């Protein structure tokens, strides 16, 4: 009977130690997973911040491009207006030269 009780006591002690080891292993695994999850969260935050910076840079670049295109349109319009004014001035000078030439011809004929 004593041997049977000792056997039961030893088996109970082994089971208790096995249960303690299983709980410690589970705690250790949970701690590792928690550290991994925290690391993943930090990495995700860093990636999100980088994506936000890239988005901001892209928006700024698009704004600069839009501004440059607007400046180019203004410059082109100004150049076209300048060409139109120069052409009008040339026509005016040509008309004045023709008028003066006609007057000179009339004076010679008179």
PDB file of N, CA and C in Angstrom:
ATOM      1  N   UNK A   1       0.841  -1.187   0.000  1.00  0.00           N
ATOM      2  CA  UNK A   1       0.000   0.000   0.000  1.00  0.00           C
ATOM      3  C   UNK A   1       0.876   1.237   0.000  1.00  0.00           C
ATOM      4  N   UNK A   2       1.935   1.230   0.803  1.00  0.00           N
ATOM      5  CA  UNK A   2       2.833   2.384   0.872  1.00  0.00           C
ATOM      6  C   UNK A   2       3.513   2.579  -0.469  1.00  0.00           C
ATOM      7  N   UNK A   3       3.904   1.480  -1.093  1.00  0.00           N
ATOM      8  CA  UNK A   3       4.534   1.592  -2.407  1.00  0.00           C
ATOM      9  C   UNK A   3       3.552   2.147  -3.423  1.00  0.00           C
ATOM     10  N   UNK A   4       2.333   1.740  -3.360  1.00  0.00           N
ATOM     11  CA  UNK A   4       1.307   2.248  -4.278  1.00  0.00           C
ATOM     12  C   UNK A   4       1.085   3.728  -4.041  1.00  0.00           C
ATOM     13  N   UNK A   5       1.086   4.136  -2.783  1.00  0.00           N
ATOM     14  CA  UNK A   5       0.901   5.551  -2.467  1.00  0.00           C
ATOM     15  C   UNK A   5       2.099   6.360  -2.957  1.00  0.00           C
ATOM     16  N   UNK A   6       3.304   5.782  -2.758  1.00  0.00           N
ATOM     17  CA  UNK A   6       4.502   6.468  -3.258  1.00  0.00           C
ATOM     18  C   UNK A   6       4.439   6.613  -4.775  1.00  0.00           C
ATOM     19  N   UNK A   7       3.996   5.553  -5.426  1.00  0.00           N
ATOM     20  CA  UNK A   7       3.867   5.588  -6.886  1.00  0.00           C
ATOM     21  C   UNK A   7       2.879   6.677  -7.305  1.00  0.00           C
ATOM     22  N   UNK A   8       1.757   6.785  -6.630  1.00  0.00           N
ATOM     23  CA  UNK A   8       0.750   7.804  -6.944  1.00  0.00           C
ATOM     24  C   UNK A   8       1.321   9.190  -6.664  1.00  0.00           C
ATOM     25  N   UNK A   9       2.037   9.328  -5.578  1.00  0.00           N
ATOM     26  CA  UNK A   9       2.644  10.619  -5.227  1.00  0.00           C
ATOM     27  C   UNK A   9       3.667  11.018  -6.283  1.00  0.00           C
ATOM     28  N   UNK A  10       4.507  10.077  -6.679  1.00  0.00           N
ATOM     29  CA  UNK A  10       5.517  10.381  -7.696  1.00  0.00           C
ATOM     30  C   UNK A  10       4.866  10.734  -9.038  1.00  0.00           C
ATOM     31  N   UNK A  11       3.842   9.977  -9.408  1.00  0.00           N
ATOM     32  CA  UNK A  11       3.150  10.262 -10.670  1.00  0.00           C
ATOM     33  C   UNK A  11       2.489  11.643 -10.609  1.00  0.00           C
ATOM     34  N   UNK A  12       1.876  11.941  -9.477  1.00  0.00           N
ATOM     35  CA  UNK A  12       1.234  13.251  -9.299  1.00  0.00           C
ATOM     36  C   UNK A  12       2.273  14.359  -9.384  1.00  0.00           C
ATOM     37  N   UNK A  13       3.435  14.136  -8.776  1.00  0.00           N
ATOM     38  CA  UNK A  13       4.519  15.139  -8.821  1.00  0.00           C
ATOM     39  C   UNK A  13       5.029  15.331 -10.249  1.00  0.00           C
ATOM     40  N   UNK A  14       5.174  14.223 -10.993  1.00  0.00           N
ATOM     41  CA  UNK A  14       5.609  14.311 -12.392  1.00  0.00           C
ATOM     42  C   UNK A  14       4.581  15.087 -13.220  1.00  0.00           C
ATOM     43  N   UNK A  15       3.321  14.787 -12.995  1.00  0.00           N
ATOM     44  CA  UNK A  15       2.256  15.488 -13.731  1.00  0.00           C
ATOM     45  C   UNK A  15       2.239  16.982 -13.382  1.00  0.00           C
ATOM     46  N   UNK A  16       2.456  17.271 -12.085  1.00  0.00           N
ATOM     47  CA  UNK A  16       2.499  18.675 -11.652  1.00  0.00           C
ATOM     48  C   UNK A  16       3.665  19.406 -12.322  1.00  0.00           C
ATOM     49  N   UNK A  17       4.847  18.774 -12.327  1.00  0.00           N
ATOM     50  CA  UNK A  17       6.020  19.378 -12.959  1.00  0.00           C
ATOM     51  C   UNK A  17       5.792  19.535 -14.469  1.00  0.00           C
ATOM     52  N   UNK A  18       5.173  18.536 -15.073  1.00  0.00           N
ATOM     53  CA  UNK A  18       4.879  18.596 -16.500  1.00  0.00           C
ATOM     54  C   UNK A  18       3.906  19.740 -16.797  1.00  0.00           C
ATOM     55  N   UNK A  19       2.910  19.902 -15.939  1.00  0.00           N
ATOM     56  CA  UNK A  19       1.945  20.996 -16.110  1.00  0.00           C
ATOM     57  C   UNK A  19       2.627  22.352 -15.942  1.00  0.00           C
ATOM     58  N   UNK A  20       3.497  22.453 -14.953  1.00  0.00           N
ATOM     59  CA  UNK A  20       4.237  23.713 -14.730  1.00  0.00           C
ATOM     60  C   UNK A  20       5.103  24.030 -15.942  1.00  0.00           C
ATOM     61  N   UNK A  21       5.782  23.008 -16.470  1.00  0.00           N
ATOM     62  CA  UNK A  21       6.634  23.207 -17.643  1.00  0.00           C
ATOM     63  C   UNK A  21       5.785  23.624 -18.846  1.00  0.00           C
ATOM     64  N   UNK A  22       4.617  23.019 -19.001  1.00  0.00           N
ATOM     65  CA  UNK A  22       3.737  23.378 -20.121  1.00  0.00           C
ATOM     66  C   UNK A  22       3.257  24.822 -19.980  1.00  0.00           C
ATOM     67  N   UNK A  23       2.908  25.237 -18.763  1.00  0.00           N
ATOM     68  CA  UNK A  23       2.464  26.619 -18.529  1.00  0.00           C
ATOM     69  C   UNK A  23       3.607  27.585 -18.808  1.00  0.00           C
ATOM     70  N   UNK A  24       4.816  27.259 -18.355  1.00  0.00           N
ATOM     71  CA  UNK A  24       5.977  28.124 -18.617  1.00  0.00           C
ATOM     72  C   UNK A  24       6.271  28.219 -20.104  1.00  0.00           C
ATOM     73  N   UNK A  25       6.146  27.101 -20.804  1.00  0.00           N
ATOM     74  CA  UNK A  25       6.378  27.113 -22.252  1.00  0.00           C
ATOM     75  C   UNK A  25       5.320  27.971 -22.952  1.00  0.00           C
ATOM     76  N   UNK A  26       4.082  27.854 -22.505  1.00  0.00           N
ATOM     77  CA  UNK A  26       3.009  28.660 -23.098  1.00  0.00           C
ATOM     78  C   UNK A  26       3.238  30.147 -22.823  1.00  0.00           C
ATOM     79  N   UNK A  27       3.661  30.476 -21.607  1.00  0.00           N
ATOM     80  CA  UNK A  27       3.953  31.882 -21.265  1.00  0.00           C
ATOM     81  C   UNK A  27       5.110  32.412 -22.110  1.00  0.00           C
ATOM     82  N   UNK A  28       6.125  31.588 -22.256  1.00  0.00           N
ATOM     83  CA  UNK A  28       7.282  31.988 -23.059  1.00  0.00           C
ATOM     84  C   UNK A  28       6.879  32.228 -24.518  1.00  0.00           C
ATOM     85  N   UNK A  29       6.086  31.293 -25.045  1.00  0.00           N
ATOM     86  CA  UNK A  29       5.603  31.446 -26.423  1.00  0.00           C
ATOM     87  C   UNK A  29       4.750  32.697 -26.561  1.00  0.00           C
ATOM     88  N   UNK A  30       3.876  32.945 -25.597  1.00  0.00           N
ATOM     89  CA  UNK A  30       3.028  34.147 -25.635  1.00  0.00           C
ATOM     90  C   UNK A  30       3.880  35.409 -25.577  1.00  0.00           C
ATOM     91  N   UNK A  31       4.918  35.404 -24.748  1.00  0.00           N
ATOM     92  CA  UNK A  31       5.803  36.567 -24.649  1.00  0.00           C
ATOM     93  C   UNK A  31       6.532  36.799 -25.968  1.00  0.00           C
ATOM     94  N   UNK A  32       7.030  35.715 -26.601  1.00  0.00           N
ATOM     95  CA  UNK A  32       7.703  35.853 -27.897  1.00  0.00           C
ATOM     96  C   UNK A  32       6.747  36.417 -28.938  1.00  0.00           C
ATOM     97  N   UNK A  33       5.543  35.881 -28.950  1.00  0.00           N
ATOM     98  CA  UNK A  33       4.554  36.358 -29.936  1.00  0.00           C
ATOM     99  C   UNK A  33       4.177  37.817 -29.677  1.00  0.00           C
ATOM    100  N   UNK A  34       4.094  38.202 -28.414  1.00  0.00           N
ATOM    101  CA  UNK A  34       3.795  39.594 -28.086  1.00  0.00           C
ATOM    102  C   UNK A  34       4.912  40.518 -28.581  1.00  0.00           C
ATOM    103  N   UNK A  35       6.167  40.110 -28.374  1.00  0.00           N
ATOM    104  CA  UNK A  35       7.316  40.895 -28.855  1.00  0.00           C
ATOM    105  C   UNK A  35       7.295  40.979 -30.380  1.00  0.00           C
ATOM    106  N   UNK A  36       6.993  39.847 -31.040  1.00  0.00           N
ATOM    107  CA  UNK A  36       6.917  39.855 -32.503  1.00  0.00           C
ATOM    108  C   UNK A  36       5.798  40.765 -32.994  1.00  0.00           C
ATOM    109  N   UNK A  37       4.657  40.724 -32.303  1.00  0.00           N
ATOM    110  CA  UNK A  37       3.526  41.585 -32.698  1.00  0.00           C
ATOM    111  C   UNK A  37       3.871  43.054 -32.506  1.00  0.00           C
ATOM    112  N   UNK A  38       4.551  43.375 -31.401  1.00  0.00           N
ATOM    113  CA  UNK A  38       4.948  44.766 -31.166  1.00  0.00           C
ATOM    114  C   UNK A  38       5.941  45.227 -32.229  1.00  0.00           C
ATOM    115  N   UNK A  39       6.875  44.353 -32.584  1.00  0.00           N
ATOM    116  CA  UNK A  39       7.844  44.696 -33.633  1.00  0.00           C
ATOM    117  C   UNK A  39       7.145  44.915 -34.969  1.00  0.00           C
ATOM    118  N   UNK A  40       6.173  44.048 -35.267  1.00  0.00           N
ATOM    119  CA  UNK A  40       5.421  44.197 -36.514  1.00  0.00           C
ATOM    120  C   UNK A  40       4.627  45.499 -36.503  1.00  0.00           C
ATOM    121  N   UNK A  41       4.080  45.871 -35.352  1.00  0.00           N
ATOM    122  CA  UNK A  41       3.328  47.123 -35.255  1.00  0.00           C
ATOM    123  C   UNK A  41       4.246  48.327 -35.477  1.00  0.00           C
ATOM    124  N   UNK A  42       5.435  48.278 -34.909  1.00  0.00           N
ATOM    125  CA  UNK A  42       6.399  49.370 -35.106  1.00  0.00           C
ATOM    126  C   UNK A  42       6.791  49.470 -36.573  1.00  0.00           C
ATOM    127  N   UNK A  43       7.036  48.322 -37.197  1.00  0.00           N
ATOM    128  CA  UNK A  43       7.401  48.319 -38.622  1.00  0.00           C
ATOM    129  C   UNK A  43       6.245  48.847 -39.468  1.00  0.00           C
ATOM    130  N   UNK A  44       5.024  48.455 -39.135  1.00  0.00           N
ATOM    131  CA  UNK A  44       3.863  48.937 -39.888  1.00  0.00           C
ATOM    132  C   UNK A  44       3.707  50.445 -39.749  1.00  0.00           C
ATOM    133  N   UNK A  45       3.934  50.957 -38.547  1.00  0.00           N
ATOM    134  CA  UNK A  45       3.855  52.416 -38.340  1.00  0.00           C
ATOM    135  C   UNK A  45       4.924  53.135 -39.158  1.00  0.00           C
ATOM    136  N   UNK A  46       6.123  52.568 -39.189  1.00  0.00           N
ATOM    137  CA  UNK A  46       7.210  53.176 -39.968  1.00  0.00           C
ATOM    138  C   UNK A  46       6.869  53.161 -41.451  1.00  0.00           C
ATOM    139  N   UNK A  47       6.319  52.035 -41.931  1.00  0.00           N
ATOM    140  CA  UNK A  47       5.929  51.954 -43.345  1.00  0.00           C
ATOM    141  C   UNK A  47       4.816  52.946 -43.655  1.00  0.00           C
ATOM    142  N   UNK A  48       3.862  53.094 -42.753  1.00  0.00           N
ATOM    143  CA  UNK A  48       2.773  54.047 -42.963  1.00  0.00           C
ATOM    144  C   UNK A  48       3.303  55.475 -43.008  1.00  0.00           C
ATOM    145  N   UNK A  49       4.253  55.768 -42.133  1.00  0.00           N
ATOM    146  CA  UNK A  49       4.847  57.109 -42.132  1.00  0.00           C
ATOM    147  C   UNK A  49       5.600  57.359 -43.432  1.00  0.00           C
ATOM    148  N   UNK A  50       6.337  56.359 -43.904  1.00  0.00           N
ATOM    149  CA  UNK A  50       7.069  56.503 -45.163  1.00  0.00           C
ATOM    150  C   UNK A  50       6.101  56.679 -46.325  1.00  0.00           C
ATOM    151  N   UNK A  51       5.008  55.917 -46.310  1.00  0.00           N
ATOM    152  CA  UNK A  51       4.000  56.055 -47.369  1.00  0.00           C
ATOM    153  C   UNK A  51       3.384  57.450 -47.343  1.00  0.00           C
ATOM    154  N   UNK A  52       3.142  57.967 -46.154  1.00  0.00           N
ATOM    155  CA  UNK A  52       2.589  59.323 -46.038  1.00  0.00           C
ATOM    156  C   UNK A  52       3.576  60.355 -46.568  1.00  0.00           C
ATOM    157  N   UNK A  53       4.865  60.173 -46.257  1.00  0.00           N
ATOM    158  CA  UNK A  53       5.890  61.107 -46.779  1.00  0.00           C
ATOM    159  C   UNK A  53       5.957  61.031 -48.298  1.00  0.00           C
ATOM    160  N   UNK A  54       5.902  59.812 -48.826  1.00  0.00           N
ATOM    161  CA  UNK A  54       5.952  59.646 -50.288  1.00  0.00           C
ATOM    162  C   UNK A  54       4.718  60.283 -50.935  1.00  0.00           C
ATOM    163  N   UNK A  55       3.569  60.119 -50.316  1.00  0.00           N
ATOM    164  CA  UNK A  55       2.337  60.717 -50.849  1.00  0.00           C
ATOM    165  C   UNK A  55       2.438  62.238 -50.836  1.00  0.00           C
ATOM    166  N   UNK A  56       2.940  62.782 -49.733  1.00  0.00           N
ATOM    167  CA  UNK A  56       3.109  64.235 -49.639  1.00  0.00           C
ATOM    168  C   UNK A  56       4.076  64.733 -50.701  1.00  0.00           C
ATOM    169  N   UNK A  57       5.171  64.014 -50.896  1.00  0.00           N
ATOM    170  CA  UNK A  57       6.151  64.400 -51.920  1.00  0.00           C
ATOM    171  C   UNK A  57       5.525  64.347 -53.309  1.00  0.00           C
ATOM    172  N   UNK A  58       4.722  63.321 -53.568  1.00  0.00           N
ATOM    173  CA  UNK A  58       4.066  63.210 -54.873  1.00  0.00           C
ATOM    174  C   UNK A  58       3.079  64.352 -55.092  1.00  0.00           C
ATOM    175  N   UNK A  59       2.338  64.711 -54.051  1.00  0.00           N
ATOM    176  CA  UNK A  59       1.386  65.825 -54.156  1.00  0.00           C
ATOM    177  C   UNK A  59       2.137  67.131 -54.419  1.00  0.00           C
ATOM    178  N   UNK A  60       3.243  67.332 -53.699  1.00  0.00           N
ATOM    179  CA  UNK A  60       4.036  68.547 -53.903  1.00  0.00           C
ATOM    180  C   UNK A  60       4.607  68.593 -55.317  1.00  0.00           C
ATOM    181  N   UNK A  61       5.086  67.454 -55.811  1.00  0.00           N
ATOM    182  CA  UNK A  61       5.639  67.394 -57.163  1.00  0.00           C
ATOM    183  C   UNK A  61       4.557  67.677 -58.194  1.00  0.00           C
ATOM    184  N   UNK A  62       3.368  67.129 -57.971  1.00  0.00           N
ATOM    185  CA  UNK A  62       2.255  67.390 -58.891  1.00  0.00           C
ATOM    186  C   UNK A  62       1.897  68.871 -58.890  1.00  0.00           C
ATOM    187  N   UNK A  63       1.915  69.494 -57.716  1.00  0.00           N
ATOM    188  CA  UNK A  63       1.616  70.925 -57.630  1.00  0.00           C
ATOM    189  C   UNK A  63       2.678  71.739 -58.370  1.00  0.00           C
ATOM    190  N   UNK A  64       3.953  71.360 -58.188  1.00  0.00           N
ATOM    191  CA  UNK A  64       5.029  72.076 -58.896  1.00  0.00           C
ATOM    192  C   UNK A  64       4.867  71.910 -60.403  1.00  0.00           C
ATOM    193  N   UNK A  65       4.545  70.695 -60.836  1.00  0.00           N
ATOM    194  CA  UNK A  65       4.356  70.442 -62.272  1.00  0.00           C
ATOM    195  C   UNK A  65       3.200  71.282 -62.804  1.00  0.00           C
ATOM    196  N   UNK A  66       2.111  71.320 -62.063  1.00  0.00           N
ATOM    197  CA  UNK A  66       0.942  72.111 -62.475  1.00  0.00           C
ATOM    198  C   UNK A  66       1.323  73.594 -62.568  1.00  0.00           C
ATOM    199  N   UNK A  67       2.080  74.053 -61.596  1.00  0.00           N
ATOM    200  CA  UNK A  67       2.520  75.449 -61.590  1.00  0.00           C
ATOM    201  C   UNK A  67       3.422  75.745 -62.794  1.00  0.00           C
ATOM    202  N   UNK A  68       4.344  74.819 -63.080  1.00  0.00           N
ATOM    203  CA  UNK A  68       5.239  75.014 -64.230  1.00  0.00           C
ATOM    204  C   UNK A  68       4.456  75.020 -65.537  1.00  0.00           C
ATOM    205  N   UNK A  69       3.470  74.145 -65.647  1.00  0.00           N
ATOM    206  CA  UNK A  69       2.646  74.122 -66.863  1.00  0.00           C
ATOM    207  C   UNK A  69       1.868  75.428 -67.013  1.00  0.00           C
ATOM    208  N   UNK A  70       1.366  75.950 -65.905  1.00  0.00           N
ATOM    209  CA  UNK A  70       0.645  77.220 -65.957  1.00  0.00           C
ATOM    210  C   UNK A  70       1.591  78.350 -66.386  1.00  0.00           C
ATOM    211  N   UNK A  71       2.804  78.352 -65.833  1.00  0.00           N
ATOM    212  CA  UNK A  71       3.786  79.372 -66.223  1.00  0.00           C
ATOM    213  C   UNK A  71       4.125  79.243 -67.705  1.00  0.00           C
ATOM    214  N   UNK A  72       4.240  78.007 -68.183  1.00  0.00           N
ATOM    215  CA  UNK A  72       4.544  77.784 -69.599  1.00  0.00           C
ATOM    216  C   UNK A  72       3.412  78.311 -70.483  1.00  0.00           C
ATOM    217  N   UNK A  73       2.169  78.058 -70.064  1.00  0.00           N
ATOM    218  CA  UNK A  73       1.025  78.570 -70.846  1.00  0.00           C
ATOM    219  C   UNK A  73       1.026  80.097 -70.886  1.00  0.00           C
ATOM    220  N   UNK A  74       1.318  80.718 -69.759  1.00  0.00           N
ATOM    221  CA  UNK A  74       1.374  82.181 -69.710  1.00  0.00           C
ATOM    222  C   UNK A  74       2.485  82.695 -70.614  1.00  0.00           C
ATOM    223  N   UNK A  75       3.646  82.052 -70.547  1.00  0.00           N
ATOM    224  CA  UNK A  75       4.775  82.476 -71.384  1.00  0.00           C
ATOM    225  C   UNK A  75       4.434  82.320 -72.864  1.00  0.00           C
ATOM    226  N   UNK A  76       3.795  81.197 -73.201  1.00  0.00           N
ATOM    227  CA  UNK A  76       3.421  80.969 -74.597  1.00  0.00           C
ATOM    228  C   UNK A  76       2.409  82.029 -75.052  1.00  0.00           C
ATOM    229  N   UNK A  77       1.409  82.297 -74.215  1.00  0.00           N
ATOM    230  CA  UNK A  77       0.406  83.303 -74.562  1.00  0.00           C
ATOM    231  C   UNK A  77       1.047  84.682 -74.712  1.00  0.00           C
ATOM    232  N   UNK A  78       1.967  85.004 -73.812  1.00  0.00           N
ATOM    233  CA  UNK A  78       2.663  86.294 -73.885  1.00  0.00           C
ATOM    234  C   UNK A  78       3.474  86.384 -75.169  1.00  0.00           C
ATOM    235  N   UNK A  79       4.148  85.289 -75.519  1.00  0.00           N
ATOM    236  CA  UNK A  79       4.936  85.271 -76.756  1.00  0.00           C
ATOM    237  C   UNK A  79       4.025  85.425 -77.968  1.00  0.00           C
ATOM    238  N   UNK A  80       2.891  84.721 -77.942  1.00  0.00           N
ATOM    239  CA  UNK A  80       1.953  84.834 -79.064  1.00  0.00           C
ATOM    240  C   UNK A  80       1.420  86.258 -79.183  1.00  0.00           C
ATOM    241  N   UNK A  81       1.119  86.857 -78.029  1.00  0.00           N
ATOM    242  CA  UNK A  81       0.648  88.244 -78.057  1.00  0.00           C
ATOM    243  C   UNK A  81       1.747  89.168 -78.572  1.00  0.00           C
ATOM    244  N   UNK A  82       2.992  88.894 -78.153  1.00  0.00           N
ATOM    245  CA  UNK A  82       4.119  89.698 -78.621  1.00  0.00           C
ATOM    246  C   UNK A  82       4.300  89.558 -80.125  1.00  0.00           C
ATOM    247  N   UNK A  83       4.159  88.345 -80.645  1.00  0.00           N
ATOM    248  CA  UNK A  83       4.265  88.128 -82.099  1.00  0.00           C
ATOM    249  C   UNK A  83       3.143  88.854 -82.824  1.00  0.00           C
ATOM    250  N   UNK A  84       1.945  88.781 -82.260  1.00  0.00           N
ATOM    251  CA  UNK A  84       0.804  89.454 -82.889  1.00  0.00           C
ATOM    252  C   UNK A  84       1.026  90.959 -82.911  1.00  0.00           C
ATOM    253  N   UNK A  85       1.533  91.493 -81.801  1.00  0.00           N
ATOM    254  CA  UNK A  85       1.806  92.938 -81.750  1.00  0.00           C
ATOM    255  C   UNK A  85       2.905  93.316 -82.740  1.00  0.00           C
ATOM    256  N   UNK A  86       3.950  92.494 -82.824  1.00  0.00           N
ATOM    257  CA  UNK A  86       5.038  92.783 -83.766  1.00  0.00           C
ATOM    258  C   UNK A  86       4.519  92.724 -85.199  1.00  0.00           C
ATOM    259  N   UNK A  87       3.674  91.738 -85.493  1.00  0.00           N
ATOM    260  CA  UNK A  87       3.114  91.635 -86.843  1.00  0.00           C
ATOM    261  C   UNK A  87       2.239  92.845 -87.149  1.00  0.00           C
ATOM    262  N   UNK A  88       1.444  93.256 -86.193  1.00  0.00           N
ATOM    263  CA  UNK A  88       0.590  94.438 -86.386  1.00  0.00           C
ATOM    264  C   UNK A  88       1.452  95.678 -86.604  1.00  0.00           C
ATOM    265  N   UNK A  89       2.530  95.811 -85.825  1.00  0.00           N
ATOM    266  CA  UNK A  89       3.429  96.958 -85.994  1.00  0.00           C
ATOM    267  C   UNK A  89       4.081  96.916 -87.374  1.00  0.00           C
ATOM    268  N   UNK A  90       4.481  95.726 -87.827  1.00  0.00           N
ATOM    269  CA  UNK A  90       5.082  95.604 -89.163  1.00  0.00           C
ATOM    270  C   UNK A  90       4.067  95.983 -90.235  1.00  0.00           C
ATOM    271  N   UNK A  91       2.823  95.543 -90.082  1.00  0.00           N
ATOM    272  CA  UNK A  91       1.786  95.920 -91.062  1.00  0.00           C
ATOM    273  C   UNK A  91       1.557  97.427 -91.066  1.00  0.00           C
ATOM    274  N   UNK A  92       1.552  98.005 -89.874  1.00  0.00           N
ATOM    275  CA  UNK A  92       1.361  99.460 -89.782  1.00  0.00           C
ATOM    276  C   UNK A  92       2.512 100.188 -90.469  1.00  0.00           C
ATOM    277  N   UNK A  93       3.742  99.749 -90.228  1.00  0.00           N
ATOM    278  CA  UNK A  93       4.898 100.387 -90.872  1.00  0.00           C
ATOM    279  C   UNK A  93       4.836 100.208 -92.381  1.00  0.00           C
ATOM    280  N   UNK A  94       4.445  99.007 -92.821  1.00  0.00           N
ATOM    281  CA  UNK A  94       4.348  98.765 -94.267  1.00  0.00           C
ATOM    282  C   UNK A  94       3.278  99.655 -94.890  1.00  0.00           C
ATOM    283  N   UNK A  95       2.153  99.803 -94.203  1.00  0.00           N
ATOM    284  CA  UNK A  95       1.082 100.661 -94.721  1.00  0.00           C
ATOM    285  C   UNK A  95       1.541 102.106 -94.764  1.00  0.00           C
ATOM    286  N   UNK A  96       2.256 102.531 -93.731  1.00  0.00           N
ATOM    287  CA  UNK A  96       2.766 103.912 -93.706  1.00  0.00           C
ATOM    288  C   UNK A  96       3.794 104.125 -94.820  1.00  0.00           C
ATOM    289  N   UNK A  97       4.649 103.116 -95.031  1.00  0.00           N
ATOM    290  CA  UNK A  97       5.641 103.227 -96.107  1.00  0.00           C
ATOM    291  C   UNK A  97       4.944 103.282 -97.457  1.00  0.00           C
ATOM    292  N   UNK A  98       3.925 102.492 -97.647  1.00  0.00           N
ATOM    293  CA  UNK A  98       3.174 102.519 -98.909  1.00  0.00           C
ATOM    294  C   UNK A  98       2.486 103.867 -99.090  1.00  0.00           C
ATOM    295  N   UNK A  99       1.918 104.396 -98.013  1.00  0.00           N
ATOM    296  CA  UNK A  99       1.259 105.717 -98.099  1.00  0.00           C
ATOM    297  C   UNK A  99       2.267 106.794 -98.472  1.00  0.00           C
ATOM    298  N   UNK A 100       3.447 106.748 -97.817  1.00  0.00           N
ATOM    299  CA  UNK A 100       4.475 107.743 -98.123  1.00  0.00           C
ATOM    300  C   UNK A 100       4.982 107.573 -99.556  1.00  0.00           C
ATOM    301  N   UNK A 101       5.111 106.324 -99.988  1.00  0.00           N
ATOM    302  CA  UNK A 101       5.545 106.075-101.355  1.00  0.00           C
ATOM    303  C   UNK A 101       4.537 106.624-102.354  1.00  0.00           C
ATOM    304  N   UNK A 102       3.261 106.423-102.055  1.00  0.00           N
ATOM    305  CA  UNK A 102       2.208 106.958-102.929  1.00  0.00           C
ATOM    306  C   UNK A 102       2.243 108.474-102.957  1.00  0.00           C
ATOM    307  N   UNK A 103       2.455 109.088-101.797  1.00  0.00           N
ATOM    308  CA  UNK A 103       2.537 110.558-101.753  1.00  0.00           C
ATOM    309  C   UNK A 103       3.727 111.049-102.579  1.00  0.00           C
ATOM    310  N   UNK A 104       4.853 110.337-102.446  1.00  0.00           N
ATOM    311  CA  UNK A 104       6.040 110.715-103.201  1.00  0.00           C
ATOM    312  C   UNK A 104       5.775 110.587-104.694  1.00  0.00           C
ATOM    313  N   UNK A 105       5.114 109.518-105.096  1.00  0.00           N
ATOM    314  CA  UNK A 105       4.767 109.317-106.520  1.00  0.00           C
ATOM    315  C   UNK A 105       3.836 110.443-107.000  1.00  0.00           C
ATOM    316  N   UNK A 106       2.887 110.798-106.153  1.00  0.00           N
ATOM    317  CA  UNK A 106       1.957 111.890-106.531  1.00  0.00           C
ATOM    318  C   UNK A 106       2.696 113.207-106.699  1.00  0.00           C
ATOM    319  N   UNK A 107       3.632 113.454-105.784  1.00  0.00           N
ATOM    320  CA  UNK A 107       4.400 114.704-105.861  1.00  0.00           C
ATOM    321  C   UNK A 107       5.262 114.721-107.113  1.00  0.00           C
ATOM    322  N   UNK A 108       5.836 113.583-107.453  1.00  0.00           N
ATOM    323  CA  UNK A 108       6.652 113.504-108.661  1.00  0.00           C
ATOM    324  C   UNK A 108       5.782 113.711-109.879  1.00  0.00           C
ATOM    325  N   UNK A 109       4.620 113.183-109.846  1.00  0.00           N
ATOM    326  CA  UNK A 109       3.709 113.312-111.011  1.00  0.00           C
ATOM    327  C   UNK A 109       3.170 114.724-111.124  1.00  0.00           C
ATOM    328  N   UNK A 110       3.092 115.426-110.035  1.00  0.00           N
ATOM    329  CA  UNK A 110       2.515 116.760-110.062  1.00  0.00           C
ATOM    330  C   UNK A 110       3.445 117.809-110.546  1.00  0.00           C
TER     331      UNK A 110
END
